C-alpha atoms as a PDB file:
ATOM      1  CA  MET A   1      -0.697  23.122   4.298  1.00  0.00           C
ATOM      2  CA  THR A   2      -3.293  20.946   4.926  1.00  0.00           C
ATOM      3  CA  PRO A   3      -4.704  17.720   2.454  1.00  0.00           C
ATOM      4  CA  GLU A   4      -7.497  19.442   1.305  1.00  0.00           C
ATOM      5  CA  ASP A   5      -5.239  22.574   0.375  1.00  0.00           C
ATOM      6  CA  GLN A   6      -2.405  20.415  -1.308  1.00  0.00           C
ATOM      7  CA  PHE A   7      -5.013  18.635  -3.072  1.00  0.00           C
ATOM      8  CA  ALA A   8      -6.671  22.121  -4.167  1.00  0.00           C
ATOM      9  CA  GLU A   9      -2.837  22.312  -5.454  1.00  0.00           C
ATOM     10  CA  VAL A  10      -3.211  19.663  -7.533  1.00  0.00           C
ATOM     11  CA  VAL A  11      -6.579  19.833  -8.833  1.00  0.00           C
ATOM     12  CA  GLU A  12      -5.364  24.042 -10.162  1.00  0.00           C
ATOM     13  CA  ARG A  13      -2.120  22.226 -11.775  1.00  0.00           C
ATOM     14  CA  PHE A  14      -4.327  20.020 -13.873  1.00  0.00           C
ATOM     15  CA  ALA A  15      -7.339  22.640 -14.297  1.00  0.00           C
ATOM     16  CA  ALA A  16      -6.090  24.220 -18.032  1.00  0.00           C
ATOM     17  CA  GLU A  17      -5.830  20.268 -19.364  1.00  0.00           C
ATOM     18  CA  PRO A  18      -8.290  19.999 -22.043  1.00  0.00           C
ATOM     19  CA  ASP A  19      -9.440  16.710 -21.227  1.00  0.00           C
ATOM     20  CA  VAL A  20      -9.441  17.265 -17.457  1.00  0.00           C
ATOM     21  CA  GLU A  21     -12.831  18.162 -15.710  1.00  0.00           C
ATOM     22  CA  GLU A  22     -13.236  17.759 -11.577  1.00  0.00           C
ATOM     23  CA  GLY A  23     -15.477  15.477 -10.034  1.00  0.00           C
ATOM     24  CA  THR A  24     -16.012  12.890  -7.826  1.00  0.00           C
ATOM     25  CA  GLY A  25     -14.704   9.576  -7.410  1.00  0.00           C
ATOM     26  CA  PHE A  26     -15.875   6.920  -4.739  1.00  0.00           C
ATOM     27  CA  HIS A  27     -18.287   9.971  -3.446  1.00  0.00           C
ATOM     28  CA  ASN A  28     -15.065  12.436  -2.747  1.00  0.00           C
ATOM     29  CA  PRO A  29     -13.328  15.363  -4.564  1.00  0.00           C
ATOM     30  CA  GLY A  30     -11.359  13.994  -7.606  1.00  0.00           C
ATOM     31  CA  LEU A  31     -10.476  14.538 -11.143  1.00  0.00           C
ATOM     32  CA  LYS A  32     -11.534  12.674 -14.273  1.00  0.00           C
ATOM     33  CA  ALA A  33      -9.864  12.653 -17.939  1.00  0.00           C
ATOM     34  CA  ASN A  34     -12.414  12.045 -20.227  1.00  0.00           C
ATOM     35  CA  GLY A  35     -14.451  10.056 -17.587  1.00  0.00           C
ATOM     36  CA  LYS A  36     -12.500   8.473 -15.877  1.00  0.00           C
ATOM     37  CA  ILE A  37     -11.152   9.055 -12.634  1.00  0.00           C
ATOM     38  CA  PHE A  38      -7.447   9.396 -12.214  1.00  0.00           C
ATOM     39  CA  ALA A  39      -6.952  11.459  -8.379  1.00  0.00           C
ATOM     40  CA  MET A  40      -9.376  12.019  -5.482  1.00  0.00           C
ATOM     41  CA  LEU A  41      -9.153  13.057  -2.067  1.00  0.00           C
ATOM     42  CA  VAL A  42     -10.525  10.302   0.199  1.00  0.00           C
ATOM     43  CA  ARG A  43      -9.858  11.163   3.998  1.00  0.00           C
ATOM     44  CA  GLY A  44      -7.069  13.733   3.852  1.00  0.00           C
ATOM     45  CA  VAL A  45      -4.672  11.450   1.409  1.00  0.00           C
ATOM     46  CA  LEU A  46      -4.083  11.347  -2.428  1.00  0.00           C
ATOM     47  CA  VAL A  47      -5.557   7.841  -4.302  1.00  0.00           C
ATOM     48  CA  VAL A  48      -4.095   7.785  -7.236  1.00  0.00           C
ATOM     49  CA  LYS A  49      -4.981   5.305 -10.501  1.00  0.00           C
ATOM     50  CA  LEU A  50      -1.737   3.620 -11.479  1.00  0.00           C
ATOM     51  CA  SER A  51      -0.924   0.560 -13.434  1.00  0.00           C
ATOM     52  CA  ALA A  52      -1.008  -2.697 -11.019  1.00  0.00           C
ATOM     53  CA  ALA A  53       2.565  -3.224 -11.149  1.00  0.00           C
ATOM     54  CA  ARG A  54       3.850   0.769 -10.677  1.00  0.00           C
ATOM     55  CA  CYS A  55       1.217   0.356  -7.258  1.00  0.00           C
ATOM     56  CA  GLU A  56       2.806  -2.896  -6.137  1.00  0.00           C
ATOM     57  CA  GLU A  57       6.472  -0.283  -6.405  1.00  0.00           C
ATOM     58  CA  ARG A  58       4.966   2.435  -4.168  1.00  0.00           C
ATOM     59  CA  VAL A  59       3.593   0.227  -1.879  1.00  0.00           C
ATOM     60  CA  ASP A  60       6.970  -1.374  -1.569  1.00  0.00           C
ATOM     61  CA  ALA A  61       9.029   1.422  -1.714  1.00  0.00           C
ATOM     62  CA  ARG A  62       6.591   2.062   1.580  1.00  0.00           C
ATOM     63  CA  THR A  63       5.644   5.525  -0.293  1.00  0.00           C
ATOM     64  CA  ALA A  64       2.138   4.213  -0.580  1.00  0.00           C
ATOM     65  CA  THR A  65      -0.344   2.262   0.841  1.00  0.00           C
ATOM     66  CA  PRO A  66      -3.097  -0.306  -0.863  1.00  0.00           C
ATOM     67  CA  PHE A  67      -6.349   1.413  -1.399  1.00  0.00           C
ATOM     68  CA  VAL A  68      -8.833  -0.736   0.181  1.00  0.00           C
ATOM     69  CA  ILE A  69     -12.627  -0.115  -0.161  1.00  0.00           C
ATOM     70  CA  GLY A  70     -14.769  -2.869   2.610  1.00  0.00           C
ATOM     71  CA  ARG A  71     -12.827  -5.842   2.086  1.00  0.00           C
ATOM     72  CA  ARG A  72     -11.577  -5.701  -1.835  1.00  0.00           C
ATOM     73  CA  THR A  73      -7.970  -4.436  -2.012  1.00  0.00           C
ATOM     74  CA  MET A  74      -8.129  -2.334  -5.527  1.00  0.00           C
ATOM     75  CA  ARG A  75      -5.026  -3.468  -7.433  1.00  0.00           C
ATOM     76  CA  GLU A  76      -4.539  -0.523  -9.502  1.00  0.00           C
ATOM     77  CA  TRP A  77      -5.507   1.837  -6.355  1.00  0.00           C
ATOM     78  CA  ILE A  78      -2.943   3.513  -4.284  1.00  0.00           C
ATOM     79  CA  GLU A  79      -2.809   6.300  -0.835  1.00  0.00           C
ATOM     80  CA  ILE A  80      -0.509   8.482  -0.822  1.00  0.00           C
ATOM     81  CA  ASP A  81      -0.345   9.835   2.849  1.00  0.00           C
ATOM     82  CA  HIS A  82      -0.097  13.852   3.577  1.00  0.00           C
ATOM     83  CA  ALA A  83       3.480  12.551   4.417  1.00  0.00           C
ATOM     84  CA  HIS A  84       4.026  12.145   1.189  1.00  0.00           C
ATOM     85  CA  ALA A  85       2.304  14.885  -0.407  1.00  0.00           C
ATOM     86  CA  ASP A  86       5.805  16.260  -2.201  1.00  0.00           C
ATOM     87  CA  ALA A  87       4.952  14.132  -4.391  1.00  0.00           C
ATOM     88  CA  TRP A  88       0.997  14.449  -5.221  1.00  0.00           C
ATOM     89  CA  LEU A  89       1.976  16.748  -8.343  1.00  0.00           C
ATOM     90  CA  ASP A  90       4.015  14.158  -9.966  1.00  0.00           C
ATOM     91  CA  LEU A  91       1.634  10.740  -8.968  1.00  0.00           C
ATOM     92  CA  ALA A  92      -1.260  12.960 -10.003  1.00  0.00           C
ATOM     93  CA  ALA A  93       0.436  13.813 -13.354  1.00  0.00           C
ATOM     94  CA  GLU A  94       1.231  10.464 -13.742  1.00  0.00           C
ATOM     95  CA  ALA A  95      -2.235   9.136 -12.599  1.00  0.00           C
ATOM     96  CA  LEU A  96      -3.489  11.192 -15.793  1.00  0.00           C
ATOM     97  CA  ALA A  97      -0.983   9.765 -18.085  1.00  0.00           C
ATOM     98  CA  PHE A  98      -2.187   6.150 -17.627  1.00  0.00           C
ATOM     99  CA  ALA A  99      -5.584   7.685 -17.505  1.00  0.00           C
ATOM    100  CA  ARG A 100      -4.570   8.438 -21.160  1.00  0.00           C
ATOM    101  CA  ALA A 101      -3.366   5.777 -22.290  1.00  0.00           C
ATOM    102  CA  ALA A 102      -6.049   3.373 -21.476  1.00  0.00           C
ATOM    103  CA  ARG A 103      -8.592   5.635 -23.611  1.00  0.00           C
END
């Protein structure tokens, strides 16, 4: 399955949520909750927004890498490559919960 197909499954899973809509984040296809992006597909990898501590845990476990824009490392964003696509749905759900809690 391609990263695009895998992300389509993520989108399909959350499409019925009343506060979730498709949108863009950093000019990439993504999902928003209450207008805030929480998951997106960037260069074939899933990028999600989680707490800085949770991002650090995933990076330390080597199941994710920091999301970098230009020279800036986004401390509440991580990339999960297609090799770990089996975790995409769970991480997107975690990101949605994080976005909802931040309201």
